[in-house]
Protein backbone atom coordinates (compact mmCIF):
# COMPACT_ATOMS: atom_id res chain seq x y z
CA MET A 1 78.04 108.36 -67.46
CA THR A 2 81.46 110.22 -69.14
CA ILE A 3 83.71 108.18 -66.75
CA PHE A 4 81.89 105.05 -67.94
CA TYR A 5 82.29 105.85 -71.62
CA ILE A 6 86.10 106.93 -70.99
CA GLY A 7 86.68 103.51 -69.17
CA TRP A 8 84.75 101.51 -71.87
CA VAL A 9 87.13 102.83 -74.78
CA LEU A 10 90.41 102.52 -72.60
CA PHE A 11 89.33 98.98 -71.71
CA PHE A 12 87.45 97.33 -74.69
CA ILE A 13 89.44 99.02 -77.55
CA PRO A 14 92.70 97.51 -76.59
CA HIS A 15 91.20 94.27 -75.99
CA PHE A 16 89.37 94.08 -79.47
CA TYR A 17 92.56 95.26 -81.01
CA SER A 18 94.55 92.43 -79.19
CA ALA A 19 91.92 89.82 -80.22
CA ALA A 20 91.93 90.70 -84.04
CA ARG A 21 95.64 92.02 -84.33
CA SER A 22 97.82 90.49 -86.94
CA ARG A 23 100.08 88.01 -85.52
CA GLY A 24 101.97 87.59 -89.20
CA GLU A 25 105.79 87.95 -89.51
CA GLY A 26 106.60 91.44 -89.49
CA ARG A 27 103.19 92.94 -88.97
CA ASP A 28 102.72 91.95 -85.09
CA MET A 29 102.82 94.95 -82.93
CA ARG A 30 103.67 92.50 -79.76
CA ALA A 31 106.94 91.22 -81.71
CA LYS A 32 107.64 94.75 -83.07
CA ILE A 33 107.83 96.81 -79.75
CA GLY A 34 108.55 93.61 -77.56
CA GLU A 35 106.68 91.44 -75.30
CA ALA A 36 107.28 93.58 -72.28
CA LYS A 37 106.44 96.96 -73.56
CA TYR A 38 103.46 95.69 -75.04
CA MET A 39 102.06 93.93 -72.28
CA GLY A 40 103.16 96.74 -69.78
CA LEU A 41 101.29 99.18 -72.26
CA TYR A 42 98.42 97.10 -72.58
CA SER A 43 98.11 96.48 -68.61
CA VAL A 44 98.14 100.01 -67.59
CA ILE A 45 95.70 101.13 -70.41
CA THR A 46 93.29 98.20 -69.77
CA GLY A 47 93.76 98.46 -65.92
CA LEU A 48 93.10 102.33 -66.11
CA GLY A 49 90.18 101.60 -68.43
CA LEU A 50 88.63 98.76 -66.15
CA GLY A 51 88.96 100.82 -62.97
CA LEU A 52 87.27 103.85 -64.62
CA LEU A 53 84.64 101.50 -66.36
CA ILE A 54 83.64 100.25 -62.77
CA TRP A 55 83.81 103.69 -60.98
CA GLY A 56 81.87 105.24 -63.87
CA TYR A 57 79.15 102.37 -63.63
CA VAL A 58 78.97 102.65 -59.87
CA LYS A 59 78.45 106.38 -60.22
CA ALA A 60 76.25 106.37 -63.09
CA PRO A 61 72.61 107.07 -62.04
CA LEU A 62 70.11 104.11 -62.73
CA GLY A 63 68.56 105.12 -66.05
CA ASP A 64 65.63 103.82 -67.81
CA ILE A 65 65.35 100.22 -67.80
CA VAL A 66 66.06 98.95 -71.69
CA PHE A 67 64.42 95.64 -70.75
CA ALA A 68 63.27 93.67 -68.11
CA GLY A 69 64.68 89.93 -68.28
CA PRO A 70 62.27 86.97 -67.49
CA HIS A 71 60.62 87.05 -64.38
CA GLY A 72 62.21 84.73 -61.69
CA LEU A 73 65.46 84.29 -63.85
CA HIS A 74 67.98 85.71 -61.12
CA HIS A 75 66.79 83.14 -58.83
CA TYR A 76 68.29 80.47 -60.91
CA ALA A 77 71.39 82.67 -62.67
CA TRP A 78 73.72 81.23 -59.84
CA VAL A 79 73.29 77.64 -61.48
CA VAL A 80 74.41 78.81 -64.89
CA MET A 81 77.52 80.67 -62.88
CA ILE A 82 78.90 77.57 -61.54
CA PRO A 83 80.09 75.95 -64.84
CA ALA A 84 81.50 79.64 -66.03
CA LEU A 85 83.32 79.95 -62.62
CA ILE A 86 84.77 76.18 -63.20
CA LEU A 87 85.84 77.30 -66.79
CA LEU A 88 87.28 80.54 -65.53
CA ILE A 89 89.37 78.97 -63.13
CA SER A 90 90.35 76.11 -65.44
CA ALA A 91 91.92 78.71 -67.42
CA TYR A 92 94.57 79.24 -64.77
CA THR A 93 95.05 75.66 -63.48
CA PRO A 94 97.16 72.87 -64.95
CA LEU A 95 96.00 71.70 -68.25
CA GLY A 96 93.10 69.36 -67.54
CA TYR A 97 90.18 67.55 -69.54
CA ILE A 98 88.04 70.87 -68.87
CA LYS A 99 90.57 73.19 -70.44
CA ARG A 100 91.25 70.83 -73.24
CA ALA A 101 87.73 70.57 -74.24
CA ALA A 102 86.96 74.05 -73.77
CA GLN A 103 90.04 75.35 -75.63
CA HIS A 104 89.52 79.02 -74.53
CA PRO A 105 87.98 78.36 -71.15
CA MET A 106 88.17 82.23 -70.11
CA MET A 107 86.46 83.52 -73.23
CA LEU A 108 83.71 80.86 -72.68
CA ALA A 109 83.33 81.93 -69.02
CA THR A 110 83.40 85.57 -70.00
CA LEU A 111 80.58 84.95 -72.72
CA ILE A 112 78.26 82.62 -70.16
CA TRP A 113 78.74 85.45 -67.44
CA ALA A 114 77.98 88.13 -69.79
CA LEU A 115 75.17 86.98 -71.58
CA LEU A 116 73.50 85.55 -68.35
CA HIS A 117 73.77 89.10 -66.92
CA LEU A 118 72.56 90.54 -70.06
CA ALA A 119 69.66 88.15 -70.05
CA LEU A 120 68.60 89.58 -66.57
CA GLY A 121 67.90 92.92 -67.79
CA GLY A 122 68.52 96.25 -66.89
CA ASP A 123 69.27 100.03 -67.63
CA LEU A 124 71.64 101.34 -70.46
CA LYS A 125 74.74 101.19 -68.62
CA HIS A 126 74.00 97.34 -67.85
CA VAL A 127 73.26 96.61 -71.35
CA LEU A 128 76.22 98.44 -72.43
CA LEU A 129 78.63 96.60 -69.84
CA PHE A 130 77.37 93.12 -70.32
CA GLY A 131 76.83 93.48 -74.05
CA SER A 132 80.30 94.62 -74.90
CA PHE A 133 81.89 91.83 -72.65
CA ALA A 134 79.38 89.24 -74.54
CA LEU A 135 80.55 90.85 -78.00
CA TYR A 136 84.16 90.83 -76.85
CA ALA A 137 84.25 87.07 -75.74
CA LEU A 138 82.52 86.29 -79.22
CA VAL A 139 85.00 88.30 -81.39
CA SER A 140 87.84 86.67 -79.38
CA LEU A 141 86.65 83.17 -79.65
CA PHE A 142 86.33 83.92 -83.72
CA TYR A 143 89.89 85.00 -84.02
CA ALA A 144 91.10 82.38 -81.72
CA PHE A 145 89.88 79.57 -83.67
CA LYS A 146 90.40 81.47 -87.01
CA ARG A 147 94.22 81.67 -86.15
CA GLY A 148 94.13 78.25 -84.77
CA ALA A 149 95.04 79.12 -81.04
CA GLN A 150 94.25 75.86 -79.63
CA LEU A 151 95.86 73.91 -76.83
CA LYS A 152 98.01 71.20 -78.31
CA ASP A 153 100.89 68.70 -77.73
CA LYS A 154 100.06 68.32 -74.03
CA THR A 155 98.25 65.40 -71.95
CA PRO A 156 95.69 66.87 -69.93
CA ASN A 157 95.96 65.80 -66.28
CA ILE A 158 93.00 65.55 -63.81
CA VAL A 159 94.50 67.57 -61.25
CA GLY A 160 93.58 70.76 -63.31
CA ASP A 161 90.13 69.82 -63.38
CA ILE A 162 89.92 68.76 -59.78
CA MET A 163 91.50 72.07 -58.68
CA ALA A 164 89.09 73.99 -61.22
CA ILE A 165 86.05 72.44 -59.79
CA VAL A 166 86.87 72.75 -55.88
CA ILE A 167 87.78 76.42 -56.38
CA GLY A 168 84.97 77.15 -58.84
CA LEU A 169 82.53 75.77 -56.23
CA ALA A 170 84.24 77.72 -53.37
CA VAL A 171 83.78 80.82 -55.31
CA SER A 172 80.50 80.07 -56.25
CA GLY A 173 79.40 79.14 -52.87
CA ALA A 174 81.01 82.55 -51.64
CA PHE A 175 79.09 84.25 -54.05
CA LEU A 176 75.85 82.87 -53.09
CA HIS A 177 76.77 83.61 -49.21
CA GLY A 178 77.10 87.31 -49.55
CA LEU A 179 80.41 87.97 -51.39
CA HIS A 180 78.46 89.16 -54.68
CA ASN A 181 76.71 91.76 -52.40
CA ILE A 182 79.95 92.72 -50.67
CA VAL A 183 81.85 93.05 -53.77
CA PHE A 184 79.34 94.18 -56.64
CA GLY A 185 76.59 95.68 -54.26
CA VAL A 186 73.74 93.08 -55.44
CA PRO A 187 73.30 89.99 -54.02
CA ALA A 188 73.31 86.98 -56.16
CA ILE A 189 70.05 85.67 -55.47
């Protein structure tokens, strides 16, 4: 679990810092060192952290089950994942009504995904991984709303929604038909 813990630190500490960092004049680290340097350093550290987190998760032995989720929930989890994937995709499509309503669709998608996977139950590494993602999404949403980081001044277009829905449904279908098992080693249902 050592690799998992190192990955956790390298991935989540910068993410929590980024969510809560000061954006005030003269106090914003991103502005002080420059956008490119900040994002480059951030990307290298969190990319390494994510790699170690995944590697550590896969290599760590299955531990004692911390809790078991409700019986049968895993059969219906894919239904909850459809809107989560649509929200996630909408974060990267042109501004649509979904993105406008959600304001922070990637964090909402991450929260739904993490809470769902956490509710399914698991061992310590499972609870730490998905619990950390859920906590990060909540913290990130809190600070985003606190600083007023919301989509403004643009008119939504249905094209972004259509793209998010079509791609989100396609990814959901692919996960249901074996992609989840191929990528994560666990069938979606």
